[in-house]
Amino acid sequence: MRAALLALLAGLALAAPARAQEQLPDGVVLPLEGLGAEEDLPPVPVTPEALEPESSIDSESAGAVASGSGAMLRGLDRLSGETVDLEIGAGATAALFRLSVSLSDCRFPVSDPSSDAYAHLTVRDRDEVVFDGWMVASSPALVALDHPRYDLWVLHCVR
């Protein structure tokens, strides 16, 4: 009985639909039949208000950014657990633990200065560049300093 059941299951697994086994040319999409997904979803009406931009944001300055005079950074020594906040000016270099941190620019959205900031940093550990790029305040792990002992992230721009 058990052998017959296993044989039946193996036969079903091998008998995949012929459509799935065919090689289709690029750009050919087969319809999904019998799934019922189309009937389960209610239609979503599109209103003219949904297509217009929000009135609280000026459409010309929505994507505009401004440069700050500096940035506020936070560093963490993973071994000791010590955190240090560092305010650094644009174009300046400062020491953070045994790292040397240079800030090229810190930018923020004009429409909402307190929201997201991103800064271009160059970080050196004993004259070896360990990070050179843009770091985003809202997503510090997106482009992060890859150092075995220290973490560094941008808090906000200084205006």
Protein backbone atom coordinates (compact mmCIF):
# COMPACT_ATOMS: atom_id res chain seq x y z
CA MET A 1 0.00 0.00 0.00
CA ARG A 2 2.76 2.42 0.99
CA ALA A 3 4.77 1.61 -2.15
CA ALA A 4 1.72 2.27 -4.31
CA LEU A 5 1.16 5.63 -2.64
CA LEU A 6 4.81 6.63 -3.14
CA ALA A 7 4.62 5.56 -6.79
CA LEU A 8 1.49 7.65 -7.25
CA LEU A 9 3.10 10.74 -5.66
CA ALA A 10 6.24 10.31 -7.75
CA GLY A 11 4.12 10.02 -10.90
CA LEU A 12 2.27 13.22 -10.03
CA ALA A 13 5.50 15.09 -9.38
CA LEU A 14 6.96 13.97 -12.70
CA ALA A 15 3.80 14.77 -14.61
CA ALA A 16 4.20 18.54 -14.33
CA PRO A 17 2.06 20.52 -16.74
CA ALA A 18 3.40 20.44 -20.27
CA ARG A 19 3.34 24.25 -20.41
CA ALA A 20 5.84 24.49 -17.56
CA GLN A 21 8.22 22.12 -19.34
CA GLU A 22 8.11 23.93 -22.69
CA GLN A 23 10.73 26.49 -23.62
CA LEU A 24 8.89 29.67 -24.52
CA PRO A 25 10.38 32.47 -26.62
CA ASP A 26 11.33 35.66 -24.82
CA GLY A 27 8.43 37.99 -24.16
CA VAL A 28 5.73 35.27 -24.30
CA VAL A 29 3.61 35.18 -21.16
CA LEU A 30 1.08 32.44 -20.53
CA PRO A 31 -2.13 33.37 -18.69
CA LEU A 32 -2.58 31.99 -15.20
CA GLU A 33 -5.77 29.99 -15.54
CA GLY A 34 -7.89 28.63 -12.76
CA LEU A 35 -6.24 30.47 -9.89
CA GLY A 36 -9.22 32.70 -9.22
CA ALA A 37 -7.03 35.62 -8.20
CA GLU A 38 -8.76 38.01 -10.56
CA GLU A 39 -12.20 37.31 -9.11
CA ASP A 40 -11.00 37.66 -5.50
CA LEU A 41 -9.77 41.25 -5.82
CA PRO A 42 -12.20 44.16 -5.87
CA PRO A 43 -11.62 46.82 -8.53
CA VAL A 44 -9.66 49.84 -7.32
CA PRO A 45 -11.06 53.15 -8.55
CA VAL A 46 -8.56 55.80 -9.64
CA THR A 47 -9.69 59.28 -8.70
CA PRO A 48 -8.30 62.53 -10.13
CA GLU A 49 -7.21 63.53 -6.59
CA ALA A 50 -5.00 60.45 -6.35
CA LEU A 51 -3.15 61.43 -9.52
CA GLU A 52 -2.33 64.97 -8.38
CA PRO A 53 0.72 65.71 -6.18
CA GLU A 54 0.16 66.64 -2.57
CA SER A 55 -0.51 70.34 -2.14
CA SER A 56 1.75 70.65 0.93
CA ILE A 57 4.88 69.98 -1.14
CA ASP A 58 6.03 72.47 -3.75
CA SER A 59 6.58 70.44 -6.93
CA GLU A 60 9.71 72.42 -7.86
CA SER A 61 11.47 71.89 -4.52
CA ALA A 62 10.24 68.33 -3.89
CA GLY A 63 13.47 66.78 -5.16
CA ALA A 64 15.78 69.68 -4.34
CA VAL A 65 18.57 69.20 -1.83
CA ALA A 66 20.76 71.64 0.04
CA SER A 67 24.24 71.25 1.44
CA GLY A 68 24.79 71.70 5.13
CA SER A 69 27.80 73.34 6.73
CA GLY A 70 28.67 70.05 8.41
CA ALA A 71 27.33 66.81 9.82
CA MET A 72 26.67 65.15 13.15
CA LEU A 73 28.10 61.62 13.20
CA ARG A 74 27.97 58.90 15.83
CA GLY A 75 30.70 56.34 16.34
CA LEU A 76 30.64 53.10 18.32
CA ASP A 77 33.59 51.14 19.68
CA ARG A 78 32.26 47.58 19.68
CA LEU A 79 34.83 46.33 22.20
CA SER A 80 34.26 48.90 24.92
CA GLY A 81 30.65 49.82 24.02
CA GLU A 82 31.59 53.51 24.04
CA THR A 83 29.62 55.82 21.74
CA VAL A 84 30.87 59.24 20.67
CA ASP A 85 28.97 61.99 18.83
CA LEU A 86 31.15 64.02 16.50
CA GLU A 87 30.21 67.30 14.81
CA ILE A 88 32.41 67.86 11.78
CA GLY A 89 32.44 70.68 9.25
CA ALA A 90 32.31 70.17 5.49
CA GLY A 91 35.83 69.84 4.12
CA ALA A 92 37.25 69.05 7.58
CA THR A 93 38.93 65.98 9.03
CA ALA A 94 38.50 64.83 12.63
CA ALA A 95 39.67 61.95 14.81
CA LEU A 96 37.12 59.43 16.05
CA PHE A 97 38.68 56.73 18.23
CA ARG A 98 41.69 55.67 16.12
CA LEU A 99 39.90 56.53 12.86
CA SER A 100 40.38 59.66 10.80
CA VAL A 101 37.07 60.89 9.34
CA SER A 102 36.84 63.43 6.48
CA LEU A 103 33.53 64.99 5.44
CA SER A 104 33.25 66.21 1.85
CA ASP A 105 29.57 67.19 1.87
CA CYS A 106 26.35 66.67 3.80
CA ARG A 107 23.05 67.09 1.95
CA PHE A 108 19.42 67.13 3.03
CA PRO A 109 16.01 67.64 1.33
CA VAL A 110 14.98 71.30 1.11
CA SER A 111 11.32 70.43 1.62
CA ASP A 112 11.99 68.65 4.95
CA PRO A 113 15.40 69.45 6.48
CA SER A 114 14.83 67.25 9.51
CA SER A 115 14.07 64.14 7.46
CA ASP A 116 16.85 62.38 5.61
CA ALA A 117 20.49 63.38 5.37
CA TYR A 118 23.32 61.82 3.45
CA ALA A 119 27.00 62.59 3.77
CA HIS A 120 30.08 61.82 1.70
CA LEU A 121 32.72 60.46 4.07
CA THR A 122 36.25 59.18 3.75
CA VAL A 123 37.35 57.10 6.74
CA ARG A 124 40.95 56.05 7.31
CA ASP A 125 42.38 53.61 9.81
CA ARG A 126 46.12 54.21 10.16
CA ASP A 127 46.38 55.86 6.71
CA GLU A 128 44.45 53.00 5.01
CA VAL A 129 41.12 54.04 3.49
CA VAL A 130 38.44 51.76 4.96
CA PHE A 131 35.42 53.68 3.66
CA ASP A 132 34.90 56.23 0.90
CA GLY A 133 31.34 57.01 -0.18
CA TRP A 134 27.90 58.34 0.66
CA MET A 135 26.31 57.27 3.93
CA VAL A 136 22.53 57.69 4.39
CA ALA A 137 21.19 58.69 7.82
CA SER A 138 17.90 56.80 7.52
CA SER A 139 19.59 53.57 6.33
CA PRO A 140 23.06 53.34 7.88
CA ALA A 141 23.36 49.66 6.96
CA LEU A 142 22.69 50.39 3.28
CA VAL A 143 26.23 51.67 2.74
CA ALA A 144 28.07 51.00 5.97
CA LEU A 145 31.58 51.22 7.32
CA ASP A 146 32.96 47.68 7.23
CA HIS A 147 35.38 47.69 10.16
CA PRO A 148 35.97 44.88 12.67
CA ARG A 149 35.97 47.18 15.70
CA TYR A 150 34.17 50.44 14.90
CA ASP A 151 30.75 51.47 13.59
CA LEU A 152 30.00 54.92 12.23
CA TRP A 153 26.77 56.48 11.00
CA VAL A 154 25.32 59.86 10.04
CA LEU A 155 22.73 61.39 12.38
CA HIS A 156 21.89 64.64 10.54
CA CYS A 157 23.36 67.59 8.68
CA VAL A 158 24.35 70.77 10.48
CA ARG A 159 22.87 73.85 8.79
